Amino acid sequence: MREPGDPVFRMKTMWLMHGHPRPPGWYFWDETWGNEHGPFETEQLSRKKLAEYVEHLEGKLGEVNNG
């Protein structure tokens, strides 16, 4: 069961986001909770991609703070 505030989610059927069809699979919401990333085949892969996305954001934040 998902915890409240967990950005990883699964859609079992085709769905619409911003008027565009999205295939079933595992997704995660970005930091704004307005854009989804995916689909991924498994929850584990979705969580791995989320971690990579967060690392990317942290790197960009470091560039801004150090630049």
C-alpha atoms as a PDB file:
ATOM      1  CA  MET A   1       0.000   0.000   0.000  1.00  0.00           C
ATOM      2  CA  ARG A   2       1.241   3.493  -0.850  1.00  0.00           C
ATOM      3  CA  GLU A   3       2.027   5.866   1.946  1.00  0.00           C
ATOM      4  CA  PRO A   4       0.482   9.352   1.854  1.00  0.00           C
ATOM      5  CA  GLY A   5       2.842  11.662  -0.022  1.00  0.00           C
ATOM      6  CA  ASP A   6       4.495   8.824  -1.997  1.00  0.00           C
ATOM      7  CA  PRO A   7       5.126  10.143  -5.529  1.00  0.00           C
ATOM      8  CA  VAL A   8       5.277   6.631  -7.049  1.00  0.00           C
ATOM      9  CA  PHE A   9       2.009   5.259  -8.403  1.00  0.00           C
ATOM     10  CA  ARG A  10       0.639   2.601 -10.738  1.00  0.00           C
ATOM     11  CA  MET A  11      -2.011   2.967 -13.399  1.00  0.00           C
ATOM     12  CA  LYS A  12      -3.539  -0.330 -14.509  1.00  0.00           C
ATOM     13  CA  THR A  13      -5.353   1.010 -17.579  1.00  0.00           C
ATOM     14  CA  MET A  14      -4.853   3.679 -20.228  1.00  0.00           C
ATOM     15  CA  TRP A  15      -5.455   7.138 -18.716  1.00  0.00           C
ATOM     16  CA  LEU A  16      -5.345  10.796 -19.708  1.00  0.00           C
ATOM     17  CA  MET A  17      -2.934  13.397 -18.357  1.00  0.00           C
ATOM     18  CA  HIS A  18      -3.057  16.968 -19.664  1.00  0.00           C
ATOM     19  CA  GLY A  19      -5.339  15.672 -22.430  1.00  0.00           C
ATOM     20  CA  HIS A  20      -2.813  13.096 -23.672  1.00  0.00           C
ATOM     21  CA  PRO A  21      -3.240   9.322 -23.362  1.00  0.00           C
ATOM     22  CA  ARG A  22      -0.782   7.519 -21.095  1.00  0.00           C
ATOM     23  CA  PRO A  23      -0.222   3.766 -21.155  1.00  0.00           C
ATOM     24  CA  PRO A  24      -0.532   1.579 -18.058  1.00  0.00           C
ATOM     25  CA  GLY A  25       2.530   1.195 -15.866  1.00  0.00           C
ATOM     26  CA  TRP A  26       4.410   2.668 -12.936  1.00  0.00           C
ATOM     27  CA  TYR A  27       5.005   6.404 -12.755  1.00  0.00           C
ATOM     28  CA  PHE A  28       6.294   9.042 -10.362  1.00  0.00           C
ATOM     29  CA  TRP A  29       5.293  12.662  -9.891  1.00  0.00           C
ATOM     30  CA  ASP A  30       7.940  15.377 -10.130  1.00  0.00           C
ATOM     31  CA  GLU A  31       8.659  17.920  -7.394  1.00  0.00           C
ATOM     32  CA  THR A  32       5.617  19.993  -8.372  1.00  0.00           C
ATOM     33  CA  TRP A  33       3.230  17.011  -8.353  1.00  0.00           C
ATOM     34  CA  GLY A  34       2.112  18.318 -11.745  1.00  0.00           C
ATOM     35  CA  ASN A  35       4.135  16.205 -14.172  1.00  0.00           C
ATOM     36  CA  GLU A  36       4.435  12.451 -14.281  1.00  0.00           C
ATOM     37  CA  HIS A  37       7.459  10.455 -15.413  1.00  0.00           C
ATOM     38  CA  GLY A  38       7.041   6.990 -16.852  1.00  0.00           C
ATOM     39  CA  PRO A  39       5.738   4.505 -17.548  1.00  0.00           C
ATOM     40  CA  PHE A  40       8.127   2.010 -16.031  1.00  0.00           C
ATOM     41  CA  GLU A  41       7.618  -1.747 -15.947  1.00  0.00           C
ATOM     42  CA  THR A  42       8.010  -2.184 -12.194  1.00  0.00           C
ATOM     43  CA  GLU A  43       7.647  -0.229  -8.984  1.00  0.00           C
ATOM     44  CA  GLN A  44      11.328  -0.811  -8.230  1.00  0.00           C
ATOM     45  CA  LEU A  45      12.376   0.686 -11.565  1.00  0.00           C
ATOM     46  CA  SER A  46      10.077   3.664 -11.028  1.00  0.00           C
ATOM     47  CA  ARG A  47      11.682   4.270  -7.612  1.00  0.00           C
ATOM     48  CA  LYS A  48      15.163   3.949  -9.112  1.00  0.00           C
ATOM     49  CA  LYS A  49      14.310   6.505 -11.800  1.00  0.00           C
ATOM     50  CA  LEU A  50      12.832   8.804  -9.142  1.00  0.00           C
ATOM     51  CA  ALA A  51      16.100   8.599  -7.172  1.00  0.00           C
ATOM     52  CA  GLU A  52      18.082   9.419 -10.331  1.00  0.00           C
ATOM     53  CA  TYR A  53      15.773  12.360 -11.018  1.00  0.00           C
ATOM     54  CA  VAL A  54      16.265  13.701  -7.479  1.00  0.00           C
ATOM     55  CA  GLU A  55      20.057  13.344  -7.809  1.00  0.00           C
ATOM     56  CA  HIS A  56      19.879  15.316 -11.061  1.00  0.00           C
ATOM     57  CA  LEU A  57      17.878  18.078  -9.355  1.00  0.00           C
ATOM     58  CA  GLU A  58      20.288  18.189  -6.424  1.00  0.00           C
ATOM     59  CA  GLY A  59      23.181  18.548  -8.863  1.00  0.00           C
ATOM     60  CA  LYS A  60      21.460  21.451 -10.592  1.00  0.00           C
ATOM     61  CA  LEU A  61      20.757  23.099  -7.226  1.00  0.00           C
ATOM     62  CA  GLY A  62      24.440  22.742  -6.334  1.00  0.00           C
ATOM     63  CA  GLU A  63      25.400  24.450  -9.600  1.00  0.00           C
ATOM     64  CA  VAL A  64      23.118  27.374  -8.784  1.00  0.00           C
ATOM     65  CA  ASN A  65      24.363  27.685  -5.208  1.00  0.00           C
ATOM     66  CA  ASN A  66      28.039  27.428  -6.196  1.00  0.00           C
ATOM     67  CA  GLY A  67      27.855  29.443  -9.394  1.00  0.00           C
END
